[in-house]
């Protein structure tokens, strides 16, 4: 955890130095006309979540599972974007994003069961946990134009707004065996996740390319590919982080920046 904290502080400090240096430069000389604007946009993406996990049960949830491991889950994200180009190569930005961090965990276990007739049979039991985690992130960062491509790096700070889960244990095989109550499922539970670590941090890197819409130079549309490395565990005292790969499309519209006092009044 100490290493993760130092990593966040180091990257944040680097980004602040880049942004402040650019701001200082711009305050001394106004940018050229083509950069006297701010870009507002929206982005939508398809996500592939990589759940990095190693735990036996959720907090305060009954489970006989030997352990859950890494899983994957497909989802989506929606972003609001603000970009302020400062020079031909550096663009500070701010994103506000809704996304999900949860997924489905499953683990099979082989055991022997007594059938009541002085005999035992081997059976396969499956432990399932499905967790939903809603979150909103704010991402300050900067993008750098390299050969027409925008390469960005940002720090994500988020808040988990809501959670839920379902879990159960079921007999997969053989089909002739049931639990004592005649059911093939037990420990069926649902509710809200406990011991949630609401504040989340991550490091995001991405690449994108903007295409100007013909006859509408203020409007651009383009693909973007991003990867977020989750630093914070979703739950306290549980080893579970979520990394996310995003492939999406961003639409941006440029509006003029207000004139400076000197430009407006000539003094």
C-alpha atoms as a PDB file:
ATOM      1  CA  UNK A   1       0.000   0.000   0.000  1.00  0.00           C
ATOM      2  CA  UNK A   2       2.920   2.367   0.765  1.00  0.00           C
ATOM      3  CA  UNK A   3       4.393   1.712  -2.689  1.00  0.00           C
ATOM      4  CA  UNK A   4       1.024   2.423  -4.325  1.00  0.00           C
ATOM      5  CA  UNK A   5       0.719   5.710  -2.422  1.00  0.00           C
ATOM      6  CA  UNK A   6       4.211   6.767  -3.463  1.00  0.00           C
ATOM      7  CA  UNK A   7       3.406   5.865  -7.085  1.00  0.00           C
ATOM      8  CA  UNK A   8       0.275   8.034  -7.064  1.00  0.00           C
ATOM      9  CA  UNK A   9       2.143  10.967  -5.504  1.00  0.00           C
ATOM     10  CA  UNK A  10       5.002  10.677  -7.999  1.00  0.00           C
ATOM     11  CA  UNK A  11       2.753  10.592 -11.066  1.00  0.00           C
ATOM     12  CA  UNK A  12       0.550  13.392  -9.716  1.00  0.00           C
ATOM     13  CA  UNK A  13       3.605  15.584  -9.096  1.00  0.00           C
ATOM     14  CA  UNK A  14       4.867  14.958 -12.636  1.00  0.00           C
ATOM     15  CA  UNK A  15       1.519  15.914 -14.169  1.00  0.00           C
ATOM     16  CA  UNK A  16       1.314  19.068 -12.049  1.00  0.00           C
ATOM     17  CA  UNK A  17       4.788  20.140 -13.184  1.00  0.00           C
ATOM     18  CA  UNK A  18       3.824  19.657 -16.850  1.00  0.00           C
ATOM     19  CA  UNK A  19       0.539  21.547 -16.507  1.00  0.00           C
ATOM     20  CA  UNK A  20       1.990  24.412 -14.452  1.00  0.00           C
ATOM     21  CA  UNK A  21       4.889  24.829 -16.876  1.00  0.00           C
ATOM     22  CA  UNK A  22       2.471  25.055 -19.783  1.00  0.00           C
ATOM     23  CA  UNK A  23       0.227  27.514 -17.942  1.00  0.00           C
ATOM     24  CA  UNK A  24       3.220  29.746 -17.126  1.00  0.00           C
ATOM     25  CA  UNK A  25       4.263  29.760 -20.769  1.00  0.00           C
ATOM     26  CA  UNK A  26       0.776  30.650 -21.966  1.00  0.00           C
ATOM     27  CA  UNK A  27       0.386  33.432 -19.384  1.00  0.00           C
ATOM     28  CA  UNK A  28       3.424  35.150 -20.899  1.00  0.00           C
ATOM     29  CA  UNK A  29       2.307  34.893 -24.556  1.00  0.00           C
ATOM     30  CA  UNK A  30      -1.213  34.282 -25.812  1.00  0.00           C
ATOM     31  CA  UNK A  31      -1.480  31.165 -28.023  1.00  0.00           C
ATOM     32  CA  UNK A  32      -2.124  31.530 -31.726  1.00  0.00           C
ATOM     33  CA  UNK A  33      -5.700  31.942 -32.931  1.00  0.00           C
ATOM     34  CA  UNK A  34      -6.169  28.271 -33.756  1.00  0.00           C
ATOM     35  CA  UNK A  35      -5.594  27.444 -30.079  1.00  0.00           C
ATOM     36  CA  UNK A  36      -7.817  30.136 -28.579  1.00  0.00           C
ATOM     37  CA  UNK A  37     -10.617  27.739 -27.769  1.00  0.00           C
ATOM     38  CA  UNK A  38     -11.764  25.084 -25.358  1.00  0.00           C
ATOM     39  CA  UNK A  39     -13.079  21.673 -26.392  1.00  0.00           C
ATOM     40  CA  UNK A  40     -16.118  20.074 -24.771  1.00  0.00           C
ATOM     41  CA  UNK A  41     -17.016  16.488 -25.522  1.00  0.00           C
ATOM     42  CA  UNK A  42     -18.634  13.191 -24.725  1.00  0.00           C
ATOM     43  CA  UNK A  43     -17.180   9.704 -25.051  1.00  0.00           C
ATOM     44  CA  UNK A  44     -18.670   6.234 -24.858  1.00  0.00           C
ATOM     45  CA  UNK A  45     -16.668   3.035 -24.703  1.00  0.00           C
ATOM     46  CA  UNK A  46     -16.932  -0.718 -24.462  1.00  0.00           C
ATOM     47  CA  UNK A  47     -14.908  -1.989 -21.510  1.00  0.00           C
ATOM     48  CA  UNK A  48     -13.084  -5.195 -20.799  1.00  0.00           C
ATOM     49  CA  UNK A  49     -12.611  -5.416 -17.041  1.00  0.00           C
ATOM     50  CA  UNK A  50      -9.784  -7.496 -15.636  1.00  0.00           C
ATOM     51  CA  UNK A  51     -10.663  -8.390 -12.057  1.00  0.00           C
ATOM     52  CA  UNK A  52      -7.450  -9.172 -10.184  1.00  0.00           C
ATOM     53  CA  UNK A  53      -8.654 -11.147  -7.158  1.00  0.00           C
ATOM     54  CA  UNK A  54      -7.571 -13.655  -4.541  1.00  0.00           C
ATOM     55  CA  UNK A  55     -10.110 -14.213  -1.739  1.00  0.00           C
ATOM     56  CA  UNK A  56     -12.269 -16.978  -0.272  1.00  0.00           C
ATOM     57  CA  UNK A  57     -15.434 -15.033   0.562  1.00  0.00           C
ATOM     58  CA  UNK A  58     -16.938 -11.573   0.611  1.00  0.00           C
ATOM     59  CA  UNK A  59     -17.058  -9.794   3.985  1.00  0.00           C
ATOM     60  CA  UNK A  60     -19.919 -11.057   6.182  1.00  0.00           C
ATOM     61  CA  UNK A  61     -21.057 -13.569   3.546  1.00  0.00           C
ATOM     62  CA  UNK A  62     -21.192 -17.302   4.313  1.00  0.00           C
ATOM     63  CA  UNK A  63     -19.069 -19.319   1.904  1.00  0.00           C
ATOM     64  CA  UNK A  64     -17.292 -22.673   1.828  1.00  0.00           C
ATOM     65  CA  UNK A  65     -15.259 -21.746  -1.243  1.00  0.00           C
ATOM     66  CA  UNK A  66     -11.569 -22.593  -1.272  1.00  0.00           C
ATOM     67  CA  UNK A  67     -10.808 -19.410  -3.202  1.00  0.00           C
ATOM     68  CA  UNK A  68     -11.821 -17.075  -6.028  1.00  0.00           C
ATOM     69  CA  UNK A  69      -9.292 -15.894  -8.603  1.00  0.00           C
ATOM     70  CA  UNK A  70      -8.928 -13.549 -11.571  1.00  0.00           C
ATOM     71  CA  UNK A  71     -11.938 -13.034 -13.835  1.00  0.00           C
ATOM     72  CA  UNK A  72     -13.011 -10.840 -16.765  1.00  0.00           C
ATOM     73  CA  UNK A  73     -16.192  -8.897 -17.436  1.00  0.00           C
ATOM     74  CA  UNK A  74     -17.458  -6.778 -20.346  1.00  0.00           C
ATOM     75  CA  UNK A  75     -19.204  -3.477 -19.681  1.00  0.00           C
ATOM     76  CA  UNK A  76     -19.345   0.168 -20.736  1.00  0.00           C
ATOM     77  CA  UNK A  77     -18.298   3.662 -19.646  1.00  0.00           C
ATOM     78  CA  UNK A  78     -19.538   7.185 -20.385  1.00  0.00           C
ATOM     79  CA  UNK A  79     -17.241  10.234 -20.158  1.00  0.00           C
ATOM     80  CA  UNK A  80     -17.666  13.992 -20.127  1.00  0.00           C
ATOM     81  CA  UNK A  81     -14.580  15.776 -21.485  1.00  0.00           C
ATOM     82  CA  UNK A  82     -13.087  19.261 -21.132  1.00  0.00           C
ATOM     83  CA  UNK A  83      -9.855  20.050 -23.018  1.00  0.00           C
ATOM     84  CA  UNK A  84      -7.899  23.321 -23.037  1.00  0.00           C
ATOM     85  CA  UNK A  85      -5.153  23.263 -25.701  1.00  0.00           C
ATOM     86  CA  UNK A  86      -2.214  25.363 -24.502  1.00  0.00           C
ATOM     87  CA  UNK A  87       0.409  24.753 -27.175  1.00  0.00           C
ATOM     88  CA  UNK A  88       0.621  22.792 -30.393  1.00  0.00           C
ATOM     89  CA  UNK A  89       1.675  19.710 -28.444  1.00  0.00           C
ATOM     90  CA  UNK A  90       0.220  19.867 -24.925  1.00  0.00           C
ATOM     91  CA  UNK A  91      -3.454  19.732 -23.935  1.00  0.00           C
ATOM     92  CA  UNK A  92      -4.492  19.549 -20.278  1.00  0.00           C
ATOM     93  CA  UNK A  93      -7.849  17.831 -19.851  1.00  0.00           C
ATOM     94  CA  UNK A  94     -10.444  16.854 -17.303  1.00  0.00           C
ATOM     95  CA  UNK A  95     -12.749  13.859 -17.600  1.00  0.00           C
ATOM     96  CA  UNK A  96     -15.729  12.851 -15.493  1.00  0.00           C
ATOM     97  CA  UNK A  97     -16.613   9.203 -16.029  1.00  0.00           C
ATOM     98  CA  UNK A  98     -19.315   6.769 -14.982  1.00  0.00           C
ATOM     99  CA  UNK A  99     -18.249   3.136 -15.015  1.00  0.00           C
ATOM    100  CA  UNK A 100     -18.585  -0.182 -13.207  1.00  0.00           C
ATOM    101  CA  UNK A 101     -15.879  -2.173 -11.448  1.00  0.00           C
ATOM    102  CA  UNK A 102     -17.682  -5.413 -10.580  1.00  0.00           C
ATOM    103  CA  UNK A 103     -17.919  -8.822 -12.188  1.00  0.00           C
ATOM    104  CA  UNK A 104     -18.697 -12.499 -11.762  1.00  0.00           C
ATOM    105  CA  UNK A 105     -16.513 -14.895  -9.794  1.00  0.00           C
ATOM    106  CA  UNK A 106     -16.837 -18.669 -10.035  1.00  0.00           C
ATOM    107  CA  UNK A 107     -14.906 -21.544  -8.480  1.00  0.00           C
ATOM    108  CA  UNK A 108     -15.459 -25.312  -8.749  1.00  0.00           C
ATOM    109  CA  UNK A 109     -14.633 -27.735  -5.961  1.00  0.00           C
ATOM    110  CA  UNK A 110     -14.556 -31.543  -5.955  1.00  0.00           C
ATOM    111  CA  UNK A 111     -15.587 -33.374  -2.781  1.00  0.00           C
ATOM    112  CA  UNK A 112     -17.007 -36.643  -1.485  1.00  0.00           C
ATOM    113  CA  UNK A 113     -20.587 -36.868  -0.241  1.00  0.00           C
ATOM    114  CA  UNK A 114     -22.247 -39.558   1.888  1.00  0.00           C
ATOM    115  CA  UNK A 115     -25.515 -40.727   0.310  1.00  0.00           C
ATOM    116  CA  UNK A 116     -27.098 -42.265   3.415  1.00  0.00           C
ATOM    117  CA  UNK A 117     -26.458 -45.850   2.338  1.00  0.00           C
ATOM    118  CA  UNK A 118     -22.987 -46.392   3.768  1.00  0.00           C
ATOM    119  CA  UNK A 119     -21.478 -45.231   0.487  1.00  0.00           C
ATOM    120  CA  UNK A 120     -19.889 -42.054  -0.769  1.00  0.00           C
ATOM    121  CA  UNK A 121     -19.931 -40.416  -4.179  1.00  0.00           C
ATOM    122  CA  UNK A 122     -17.735 -37.791  -5.714  1.00  0.00           C
ATOM    123  CA  UNK A 123     -19.474 -34.567  -6.677  1.00  0.00           C
ATOM    124  CA  UNK A 124     -18.559 -31.180  -8.125  1.00  0.00           C
ATOM    125  CA  UNK A 125     -19.764 -28.076  -6.309  1.00  0.00           C
ATOM    126  CA  UNK A 126     -19.685 -24.600  -7.856  1.00  0.00           C
ATOM    127  CA  UNK A 127     -19.386 -21.399  -5.834  1.00  0.00           C
ATOM    128  CA  UNK A 128     -20.705 -18.287  -7.609  1.00  0.00           C
ATOM    129  CA  UNK A 129     -20.474 -14.625  -6.632  1.00  0.00           C
ATOM    130  CA  UNK A 130     -21.811 -11.822  -8.823  1.00  0.00           C
ATOM    131  CA  UNK A 131     -20.868  -8.313  -7.667  1.00  0.00           C
ATOM    132  CA  UNK A 132     -22.063  -5.005  -9.114  1.00  0.00           C
ATOM    133  CA  UNK A 133     -20.022  -1.898  -8.314  1.00  0.00           C
ATOM    134  CA  UNK A 134     -21.069   1.520  -9.666  1.00  0.00           C
ATOM    135  CA  UNK A 135     -18.463   4.302  -9.598  1.00  0.00           C
ATOM    136  CA  UNK A 136     -17.864   7.873 -10.755  1.00  0.00           C
ATOM    137  CA  UNK A 137     -14.315   9.030 -11.500  1.00  0.00           C
ATOM    138  CA  UNK A 138     -12.676  12.405 -12.049  1.00  0.00           C
ATOM    139  CA  UNK A 139      -9.513  12.301 -14.157  1.00  0.00           C
ATOM    140  CA  UNK A 140      -7.186  15.297 -14.510  1.00  0.00           C
ATOM    141  CA  UNK A 141      -4.381  14.778 -16.966  1.00  0.00           C
ATOM    142  CA  UNK A 142      -2.573  15.956 -20.055  1.00  0.00           C
ATOM    143  CA  UNK A 143      -2.346  14.700 -23.625  1.00  0.00           C
ATOM    144  CA  UNK A 144       0.590  15.122 -25.981  1.00  0.00           C
ATOM    145  CA  UNK A 145       0.245  15.275 -29.755  1.00  0.00           C
ATOM    146  CA  UNK A 146       2.677  12.936 -31.487  1.00  0.00           C
ATOM    147  CA  UNK A 147       2.318  12.587 -35.237  1.00  0.00           C
ATOM    148  CA  UNK A 148      -1.358  13.544 -35.092  1.00  0.00           C
ATOM    149  CA  UNK A 149      -2.136  11.069 -32.314  1.00  0.00           C
ATOM    150  CA  UNK A 150      -3.066  12.284 -28.839  1.00  0.00           C
ATOM    151  CA  UNK A 151      -1.256  10.294 -26.146  1.00  0.00           C
ATOM    152  CA  UNK A 152      -2.689  10.974 -22.703  1.00  0.00           C
ATOM    153  CA  UNK A 153      -1.799  10.242 -19.113  1.00  0.00           C
ATOM    154  CA  UNK A 154      -4.002  10.987 -16.123  1.00  0.00           C
ATOM    155  CA  UNK A 155      -4.738  10.200 -12.496  1.00  0.00           C
ATOM    156  CA  UNK A 156      -8.201   8.866 -11.678  1.00  0.00           C
ATOM    157  CA  UNK A 157      -9.876   9.605  -8.357  1.00  0.00           C
ATOM    158  CA  UNK A 158     -13.263   7.995  -7.928  1.00  0.00           C
ATOM    159  CA  UNK A 159     -16.088   7.270  -5.558  1.00  0.00           C
ATOM    160  CA  UNK A 160     -18.115   4.063  -5.402  1.00  0.00           C
ATOM    161  CA  UNK A 161     -21.752   5.175  -5.505  1.00  0.00           C
ATOM    162  CA  UNK A 162     -23.503   1.838  -5.082  1.00  0.00           C
ATOM    163  CA  UNK A 163     -22.988  -1.914  -4.784  1.00  0.00           C
ATOM    164  CA  UNK A 164     -24.912  -5.172  -4.743  1.00  0.00           C
ATOM    165  CA  UNK A 165     -24.129  -8.881  -4.836  1.00  0.00           C
ATOM    166  CA  UNK A 166     -25.617 -12.342  -5.163  1.00  0.00           C
ATOM    167  CA  UNK A 167     -23.901 -15.570  -4.143  1.00  0.00           C
ATOM    168  CA  UNK A 168     -24.737 -19.252  -4.029  1.00  0.00           C
ATOM    169  CA  UNK A 169     -23.321 -22.760  -3.843  1.00  0.00           C
ATOM    170  CA  UNK A 170     -24.708 -25.368  -6.269  1.00  0.00           C
ATOM    171  CA  UNK A 171     -24.122 -29.009  -7.173  1.00  0.00           C
ATOM    172  CA  UNK A 172     -22.917 -29.281 -10.755  1.00  0.00           C
ATOM    173  CA  UNK A 173     -22.618 -33.074 -10.974  1.00  0.00           C
ATOM    174  CA  UNK A 174     -23.840 -35.737 -10.657  1.00  0.00           C
ATOM    175  CA  UNK A 175     -27.440 -34.756 -11.351  1.00  0.00           C
ATOM    176  CA  UNK A 176     -28.850 -37.364  -8.921  1.00  0.00           C
ATOM    177  CA  UNK A 177     -27.452 -35.745  -5.764  1.00  0.00           C
ATOM    178  CA  UNK A 178     -29.174 -32.991  -3.784  1.00  0.00           C
ATOM    179  CA  UNK A 179     -28.688 -31.314  -0.436  1.00  0.00           C
ATOM    180  CA  UNK A 180     -30.710 -32.513   2.567  1.00  0.00           C
ATOM    181  CA  UNK A 181     -33.620 -30.189   1.753  1.00  0.00           C
ATOM    182  CA  UNK A 182     -33.943 -31.657  -1.748  1.00  0.00           C
ATOM    183  CA  UNK A 183     -32.446 -28.601  -3.445  1.00  0.00           C
ATOM    184  CA  UNK A 184     -29.308 -28.488  -5.558  1.00  0.00           C
ATOM    185  CA  UNK A 185     -28.456 -25.004  -4.243  1.00  0.00           C
ATOM    186  CA  UNK A 186     -27.645 -23.632  -0.809  1.00  0.00           C
ATOM    187  CA  UNK A 187     -26.146 -20.550   0.856  1.00  0.00           C
ATOM    188  CA  UNK A 188     -28.157 -18.388  -1.550  1.00  0.00           C
ATOM    189  CA  UNK A 189     -27.561 -14.787  -0.453  1.00  0.00           C
ATOM    190  CA  UNK A 190     -27.939 -11.258  -1.816  1.00  0.00           C
ATOM    191  CA  UNK A 191     -27.599  -7.694  -0.600  1.00  0.00           C
ATOM    192  CA  UNK A 192     -25.101  -4.848  -0.524  1.00  0.00           C
ATOM    193  CA  UNK A 193     -21.346  -5.328  -0.314  1.00  0.00           C
ATOM    194  CA  UNK A 194     -19.835  -4.689   3.120  1.00  0.00           C
ATOM    195  CA  UNK A 195     -16.548  -2.967   3.982  1.00  0.00           C
ATOM    196  CA  UNK A 196     -16.440  -1.095   0.677  1.00  0.00           C
ATOM    197  CA  UNK A 197     -13.423   1.126   0.061  1.00  0.00           C
ATOM    198  CA  UNK A 198     -15.403   4.011  -1.410  1.00  0.00           C
ATOM    199  CA  UNK A 199     -12.459   6.176  -2.496  1.00  0.00           C
ATOM    200  CA  UNK A 200     -10.710   4.660  -5.504  1.00  0.00           C
ATOM    201  CA  UNK A 201      -7.503   5.610  -7.327  1.00  0.00           C
ATOM    202  CA  UNK A 202      -6.083   4.585 -10.676  1.00  0.00           C
ATOM    203  CA  UNK A 203      -3.604   5.561 -13.380  1.00  0.00           C
ATOM    204  CA  UNK A 204      -4.989   5.935 -16.898  1.00  0.00           C
ATOM    205  CA  UNK A 205      -3.074   5.963 -20.190  1.00  0.00           C
ATOM    206  CA  UNK A 206      -4.625   6.293 -23.617  1.00  0.00           C
ATOM    207  CA  UNK A 207      -4.229   7.112 -27.280  1.00  0.00           C
ATOM    208  CA  UNK A 208      -6.702   8.712 -29.656  1.00  0.00           C
ATOM    209  CA  UNK A 209      -7.047  10.405 -33.024  1.00  0.00           C
ATOM    210  CA  UNK A 210      -9.479  13.218 -33.873  1.00  0.00           C
ATOM    211  CA  UNK A 211     -11.052  13.582 -37.331  1.00  0.00           C
ATOM    212  CA  UNK A 212     -12.560  16.970 -38.186  1.00  0.00           C
ATOM    213  CA  UNK A 213     -16.112  16.774 -39.533  1.00  0.00           C
ATOM    214  CA  UNK A 214     -16.280  18.182 -43.110  1.00  0.00           C
ATOM    215  CA  UNK A 215     -17.767  21.701 -43.297  1.00  0.00           C
ATOM    216  CA  UNK A 216     -17.905  21.832 -39.462  1.00  0.00           C
ATOM    217  CA  UNK A 217     -14.324  22.591 -38.374  1.00  0.00           C
ATOM    218  CA  UNK A 218     -15.348  23.035 -34.736  1.00  0.00           C
ATOM    219  CA  UNK A 219     -16.630  19.451 -34.526  1.00  0.00           C
ATOM    220  CA  UNK A 220     -14.391  16.391 -34.340  1.00  0.00           C
ATOM    221  CA  UNK A 221     -14.936  12.687 -33.842  1.00  0.00           C
ATOM    222  CA  UNK A 222     -12.420   9.957 -33.290  1.00  0.00           C
ATOM    223  CA  UNK A 223     -11.560   6.584 -31.756  1.00  0.00           C
ATOM    224  CA  UNK A 224      -9.689   6.208 -28.499  1.00  0.00           C
ATOM    225  CA  UNK A 225      -8.062   3.319 -26.679  1.00  0.00           C
ATOM    226  CA  UNK A 226      -7.396   3.544 -22.936  1.00  0.00           C
ATOM    227  CA  UNK A 227      -6.129   1.350 -20.139  1.00  0.00           C
ATOM    228  CA  UNK A 228      -6.677   2.020 -16.440  1.00  0.00           C
ATOM    229  CA  UNK A 229      -4.534   0.380 -13.788  1.00  0.00           C
ATOM    230  CA  UNK A 230      -6.520   0.183 -10.556  1.00  0.00           C
ATOM    231  CA  UNK A 231      -4.434   0.990  -7.490  1.00  0.00           C
ATOM    232  CA  UNK A 232      -7.023   0.596  -4.740  1.00  0.00           C
ATOM    233  CA  UNK A 233      -8.770  -2.595  -3.637  1.00  0.00           C
ATOM    234  CA  UNK A 234     -12.552  -2.548  -4.021  1.00  0.00           C
ATOM    235  CA  UNK A 235     -13.118  -3.894  -0.494  1.00  0.00           C
ATOM    236  CA  UNK A 236     -11.166  -3.429   2.705  1.00  0.00           C
ATOM    237  CA  UNK A 237      -8.913  -6.351   3.673  1.00  0.00           C
ATOM    238  CA  UNK A 238      -9.872  -8.190   0.456  1.00  0.00           C
ATOM    239  CA  UNK A 239      -7.448  -8.632  -2.438  1.00  0.00           C
ATOM    240  CA  UNK A 240      -9.552  -7.437  -5.378  1.00  0.00           C
ATOM    241  CA  UNK A 241      -8.630  -4.667  -7.826  1.00  0.00           C
ATOM    242  CA  UNK A 242     -10.123  -3.938 -11.239  1.00  0.00           C
ATOM    243  CA  UNK A 243      -8.087  -2.915 -14.290  1.00  0.00           C
ATOM    244  CA  UNK A 244      -9.997  -1.766 -17.369  1.00  0.00           C
ATOM    245  CA  UNK A 245      -9.276  -1.723 -21.125  1.00  0.00           C
ATOM    246  CA  UNK A 246     -11.566   0.681 -23.016  1.00  0.00           C
ATOM    247  CA  UNK A 247     -12.254   1.061 -26.734  1.00  0.00           C
ATOM    248  CA  UNK A 248     -14.551   3.935 -27.558  1.00  0.00           C
ATOM    249  CA  UNK A 249     -15.474   6.976 -29.618  1.00  0.00           C
ATOM    250  CA  UNK A 250     -15.195  10.610 -28.527  1.00  0.00           C
ATOM    251  CA  UNK A 251     -17.103  13.562 -29.996  1.00  0.00           C
ATOM    252  CA  UNK A 252     -15.716  17.048 -29.253  1.00  0.00           C
ATOM    253  CA  UNK A 253     -16.836  20.591 -30.058  1.00  0.00           C
ATOM    254  CA  UNK A 254     -14.535  23.615 -29.912  1.00  0.00           C
ATOM    255  CA  UNK A 255     -15.767  26.940 -28.537  1.00  0.00           C
ATOM    256  CA  UNK A 256     -13.854  30.230 -28.420  1.00  0.00           C
ATOM    257  CA  UNK A 257     -12.140  31.291 -25.237  1.00  0.00           C
ATOM    258  CA  UNK A 258     -13.222  34.689 -23.869  1.00  0.00           C
ATOM    259  CA  UNK A 259     -10.880  37.569 -24.859  1.00  0.00           C
ATOM    260  CA  UNK A 260      -8.335  38.853 -22.387  1.00  0.00           C
ATOM    261  CA  UNK A 261      -8.878  42.189 -20.607  1.00  0.00           C
ATOM    262  CA  UNK A 262      -6.235  43.823 -22.789  1.00  0.00           C
ATOM    263  CA  UNK A 263      -7.780  42.496 -26.003  1.00  0.00           C
ATOM    264  CA  UNK A 264     -11.221  43.733 -24.971  1.00  0.00           C
ATOM    265  CA  UNK A 265     -10.314  47.180 -23.624  1.00  0.00           C
ATOM    266  CA  UNK A 266      -6.921  47.792 -25.219  1.00  0.00           C
ATOM    267  CA  UNK A 267      -5.156  48.404 -21.906  1.00  0.00           C
END
